[in-house]
N, C-alpha and C. Protein backbone atom coordinates (compact mmCIF):
# COMPACT_ATOMS: atom_id res chain seq x y z
N MET A 1 137.27 -56.89 -84.04
CA MET A 1 136.26 -57.77 -83.48
C MET A 1 136.04 -57.44 -82.00
N GLN A 2 137.13 -57.17 -81.27
CA GLN A 2 136.99 -56.86 -79.86
C GLN A 2 136.18 -55.59 -79.65
N THR A 3 136.35 -54.61 -80.52
CA THR A 3 135.58 -53.37 -80.42
C THR A 3 134.10 -53.65 -80.67
N LEU A 4 133.79 -54.47 -81.67
CA LEU A 4 132.42 -54.83 -81.97
C LEU A 4 131.78 -55.54 -80.78
N ILE A 5 132.48 -56.49 -80.20
CA ILE A 5 131.97 -57.23 -79.04
C ILE A 5 131.71 -56.26 -77.89
N SER A 6 132.64 -55.36 -77.64
CA SER A 6 132.48 -54.38 -76.57
C SER A 6 131.27 -53.49 -76.81
N ASP A 7 131.10 -53.03 -78.03
CA ASP A 7 129.96 -52.17 -78.37
C ASP A 7 128.64 -52.91 -78.18
N ILE A 8 128.59 -54.18 -78.57
CA ILE A 8 127.38 -54.98 -78.41
C ILE A 8 127.06 -55.15 -76.93
N ARG A 9 128.07 -55.47 -76.14
CA ARG A 9 127.86 -55.68 -74.69
C ARG A 9 127.35 -54.39 -74.01
N LYS A 10 127.77 -53.24 -74.52
CA LYS A 10 127.31 -51.96 -73.95
C LYS A 10 125.87 -51.65 -74.37
N ALA A 11 125.50 -52.03 -75.57
CA ALA A 11 124.19 -51.66 -76.13
C ALA A 11 123.06 -52.61 -75.75
N VAL A 12 123.40 -53.84 -75.39
CA VAL A 12 122.38 -54.85 -75.12
C VAL A 12 122.31 -55.13 -73.62
N PRO A 13 121.10 -55.10 -73.06
CA PRO A 13 120.94 -55.29 -71.60
C PRO A 13 120.96 -56.76 -71.18
N PHE A 14 122.14 -57.35 -71.13
CA PHE A 14 122.27 -58.76 -70.77
C PHE A 14 121.89 -59.03 -69.32
N ASP A 15 121.94 -58.02 -68.47
CA ASP A 15 121.67 -58.20 -67.05
C ASP A 15 120.22 -57.92 -66.66
N THR A 16 119.32 -57.89 -67.64
CA THR A 16 117.91 -57.64 -67.37
C THR A 16 117.32 -58.77 -66.54
N PRO A 17 116.62 -58.43 -65.44
CA PRO A 17 116.01 -59.48 -64.61
C PRO A 17 114.96 -60.27 -65.39
N MET A 18 114.79 -61.53 -65.02
CA MET A 18 113.87 -62.43 -65.70
C MET A 18 112.44 -61.88 -65.72
N GLU A 19 112.00 -61.27 -64.63
CA GLU A 19 110.63 -60.77 -64.58
C GLU A 19 110.38 -59.66 -65.60
N LYS A 20 111.41 -58.92 -65.97
CA LYS A 20 111.26 -57.89 -67.00
C LYS A 20 111.31 -58.49 -68.41
N LEU A 21 112.07 -59.59 -68.57
CA LEU A 21 112.19 -60.22 -69.88
C LEU A 21 110.86 -60.75 -70.38
N CYS A 22 110.06 -61.28 -69.47
CA CYS A 22 108.81 -61.93 -69.85
C CYS A 22 107.60 -61.12 -69.40
N ASP A 23 107.72 -59.82 -69.39
CA ASP A 23 106.64 -58.94 -68.97
C ASP A 23 106.05 -58.24 -70.18
N GLY A 24 104.83 -58.61 -70.55
CA GLY A 24 104.17 -57.95 -71.66
C GLY A 24 104.28 -58.73 -72.95
N PRO A 25 103.81 -58.11 -74.03
CA PRO A 25 103.82 -58.78 -75.34
C PRO A 25 105.25 -58.97 -75.87
N CYS A 26 105.44 -60.07 -76.58
CA CYS A 26 106.77 -60.37 -77.13
C CYS A 26 106.71 -60.53 -78.63
N THR A 27 107.67 -59.95 -79.30
CA THR A 27 107.82 -60.15 -80.74
C THR A 27 108.70 -61.37 -80.99
N GLY A 28 109.54 -61.68 -80.04
CA GLY A 28 110.43 -62.84 -80.06
C GLY A 28 110.82 -63.07 -78.62
N CYS A 29 111.25 -64.25 -78.28
CA CYS A 29 111.60 -64.53 -76.89
C CYS A 29 112.90 -63.79 -76.53
N SER A 30 112.76 -62.74 -75.74
CA SER A 30 113.91 -61.92 -75.37
C SER A 30 114.97 -62.72 -74.64
N LYS A 31 114.55 -63.62 -73.75
CA LYS A 31 115.52 -64.42 -73.00
C LYS A 31 116.34 -65.29 -73.93
N LYS A 32 115.68 -65.96 -74.86
CA LYS A 32 116.40 -66.83 -75.80
C LYS A 32 117.32 -66.02 -76.70
N LEU A 33 116.85 -64.85 -77.13
CA LEU A 33 117.69 -64.01 -77.98
C LEU A 33 118.92 -63.52 -77.23
N LEU A 34 118.75 -63.10 -75.98
CA LEU A 34 119.89 -62.65 -75.18
C LEU A 34 120.86 -63.79 -74.92
N ASP A 35 120.32 -64.97 -74.61
CA ASP A 35 121.18 -66.14 -74.39
C ASP A 35 121.98 -66.48 -75.65
N TYR A 36 121.30 -66.45 -76.79
CA TYR A 36 121.96 -66.76 -78.06
C TYR A 36 123.08 -65.76 -78.35
N LEU A 37 122.78 -64.47 -78.20
CA LEU A 37 123.78 -63.45 -78.50
C LEU A 37 124.96 -63.54 -77.54
N ASP A 38 124.68 -63.76 -76.26
CA ASP A 38 125.75 -63.91 -75.28
C ASP A 38 126.65 -65.09 -75.63
N MET A 39 126.04 -66.20 -76.04
CA MET A 39 126.80 -67.39 -76.44
C MET A 39 127.70 -67.07 -77.65
N GLN A 40 127.15 -66.34 -78.62
CA GLN A 40 127.94 -65.96 -79.80
C GLN A 40 129.12 -65.09 -79.41
N LEU A 41 128.89 -64.13 -78.52
CA LEU A 41 129.96 -63.24 -78.09
C LEU A 41 131.04 -64.01 -77.33
N GLU A 42 130.63 -64.93 -76.47
CA GLU A 42 131.61 -65.73 -75.74
C GLU A 42 132.45 -66.59 -76.68
N GLU A 43 131.82 -67.16 -77.71
CA GLU A 43 132.56 -67.95 -78.70
C GLU A 43 133.59 -67.09 -79.42
N LYS A 44 133.17 -65.90 -79.83
CA LYS A 44 134.10 -65.01 -80.55
C LYS A 44 135.24 -64.55 -79.65
N GLU A 45 134.93 -64.28 -78.37
CA GLU A 45 135.99 -63.90 -77.44
C GLU A 45 136.98 -65.04 -77.24
N ALA A 46 136.49 -66.26 -77.16
CA ALA A 46 137.37 -67.42 -77.01
C ALA A 46 138.25 -67.59 -78.24
N GLU A 47 137.68 -67.38 -79.41
CA GLU A 47 138.46 -67.48 -80.65
C GLU A 47 139.55 -66.41 -80.68
N LEU A 48 139.21 -65.20 -80.28
CA LEU A 48 140.21 -64.12 -80.24
C LEU A 48 141.32 -64.46 -79.25
N ASN A 49 140.94 -64.97 -78.08
CA ASN A 49 141.94 -65.34 -77.07
C ASN A 49 142.84 -66.48 -77.54
N ALA A 50 142.32 -67.32 -78.44
CA ALA A 50 143.10 -68.42 -78.99
C ALA A 50 143.99 -67.96 -80.15
N GLY A 51 143.89 -66.69 -80.52
CA GLY A 51 144.74 -66.14 -81.57
C GLY A 51 144.14 -66.20 -82.96
N LEU A 52 142.88 -66.61 -83.08
CA LEU A 52 142.25 -66.65 -84.39
C LEU A 52 141.84 -65.25 -84.82
N ILE A 53 142.06 -64.95 -86.08
CA ILE A 53 141.72 -63.63 -86.62
C ILE A 53 140.46 -63.77 -87.46
N PRO A 54 139.39 -63.04 -87.10
CA PRO A 54 138.13 -63.15 -87.85
C PRO A 54 138.23 -62.47 -89.20
N ASN A 55 137.47 -62.99 -90.16
CA ASN A 55 137.43 -62.33 -91.46
C ASN A 55 136.24 -61.37 -91.49
N LEU A 56 136.11 -60.61 -92.55
CA LEU A 56 135.05 -59.61 -92.63
C LEU A 56 133.67 -60.24 -92.62
N GLY A 57 133.53 -61.42 -93.17
CA GLY A 57 132.24 -62.11 -93.17
C GLY A 57 131.79 -62.43 -91.76
N GLU A 58 132.70 -62.88 -90.91
CA GLU A 58 132.37 -63.19 -89.52
C GLU A 58 131.96 -61.93 -88.77
N LEU A 59 132.69 -60.85 -89.00
CA LEU A 59 132.34 -59.56 -88.37
C LEU A 59 130.95 -59.11 -88.80
N ASN A 60 130.69 -59.22 -90.09
CA ASN A 60 129.40 -58.79 -90.63
C ASN A 60 128.25 -59.63 -90.09
N ARG A 61 128.43 -60.95 -90.00
CA ARG A 61 127.37 -61.82 -89.48
C ARG A 61 127.06 -61.50 -88.02
N LEU A 62 128.09 -61.29 -87.23
CA LEU A 62 127.87 -60.95 -85.82
C LEU A 62 127.16 -59.61 -85.70
N LYS A 63 127.57 -58.64 -86.48
CA LYS A 63 126.95 -57.32 -86.45
C LYS A 63 125.48 -57.40 -86.85
N LYS A 64 125.17 -58.12 -87.92
CA LYS A 64 123.79 -58.24 -88.39
C LYS A 64 122.92 -58.93 -87.34
N SER A 65 123.44 -59.99 -86.77
CA SER A 65 122.70 -60.72 -85.74
C SER A 65 122.41 -59.82 -84.55
N ALA A 66 123.42 -59.10 -84.09
CA ALA A 66 123.26 -58.20 -82.94
C ALA A 66 122.26 -57.09 -83.26
N MET A 67 122.28 -56.57 -84.45
CA MET A 67 121.36 -55.50 -84.83
C MET A 67 119.92 -55.99 -84.86
N LYS A 68 119.70 -57.20 -85.37
CA LYS A 68 118.35 -57.76 -85.41
C LYS A 68 117.83 -58.01 -83.99
N ILE A 69 118.68 -58.56 -83.14
CA ILE A 69 118.28 -58.83 -81.76
C ILE A 69 118.02 -57.51 -81.04
N HIS A 70 118.86 -56.51 -81.26
CA HIS A 70 118.68 -55.19 -80.66
C HIS A 70 117.32 -54.61 -81.07
N ALA A 71 116.97 -54.73 -82.34
CA ALA A 71 115.69 -54.21 -82.83
C ALA A 71 114.52 -54.93 -82.16
N THR A 72 114.63 -56.23 -81.98
CA THR A 72 113.58 -56.99 -81.32
C THR A 72 113.44 -56.58 -79.86
N LEU A 73 114.56 -56.36 -79.19
CA LEU A 73 114.53 -55.93 -77.79
C LEU A 73 113.88 -54.55 -77.66
N ILE A 74 114.07 -53.69 -78.65
CA ILE A 74 113.41 -52.38 -78.65
C ILE A 74 111.89 -52.60 -78.77
N LYS A 75 111.47 -53.46 -79.69
CA LYS A 75 110.04 -53.75 -79.88
C LYS A 75 109.42 -54.32 -78.61
N ASN A 76 110.20 -55.12 -77.88
CA ASN A 76 109.71 -55.73 -76.64
C ASN A 76 109.79 -54.79 -75.44
N GLY A 77 110.31 -53.58 -75.65
CA GLY A 77 110.35 -52.58 -74.59
C GLY A 77 111.50 -52.72 -73.62
N LEU A 78 112.51 -53.53 -73.93
CA LEU A 78 113.63 -53.72 -73.04
C LEU A 78 114.73 -52.69 -73.25
N ILE A 79 114.72 -52.06 -74.41
CA ILE A 79 115.69 -50.99 -74.69
C ILE A 79 114.88 -49.76 -75.08
N LYS A 80 115.12 -48.69 -74.37
CA LYS A 80 114.42 -47.44 -74.64
C LYS A 80 115.17 -46.64 -75.70
N THR A 81 114.42 -46.03 -76.60
CA THR A 81 115.02 -45.15 -77.60
C THR A 81 114.59 -43.72 -77.28
N ASP A 82 115.43 -42.80 -77.62
CA ASP A 82 115.14 -41.39 -77.32
C ASP A 82 114.35 -40.74 -78.41
């Protein structure tokens, strides 16, 4: 779980300035999506720090959510693809 959280934090631009988040057409509210994902990651980190061990379903749900948000951020132009 810690590796997944770390990979998500590296791939998603949580530090994007507000003026870039709301610049141009949106497929979904990038700010709300980033806030939601950050909240999910913080919850999972707190659970890990408390000694809780996630099951495969929890890992899969977090991964799917992050992938959907990542795809939306690409559509909104916040993440560049090569």
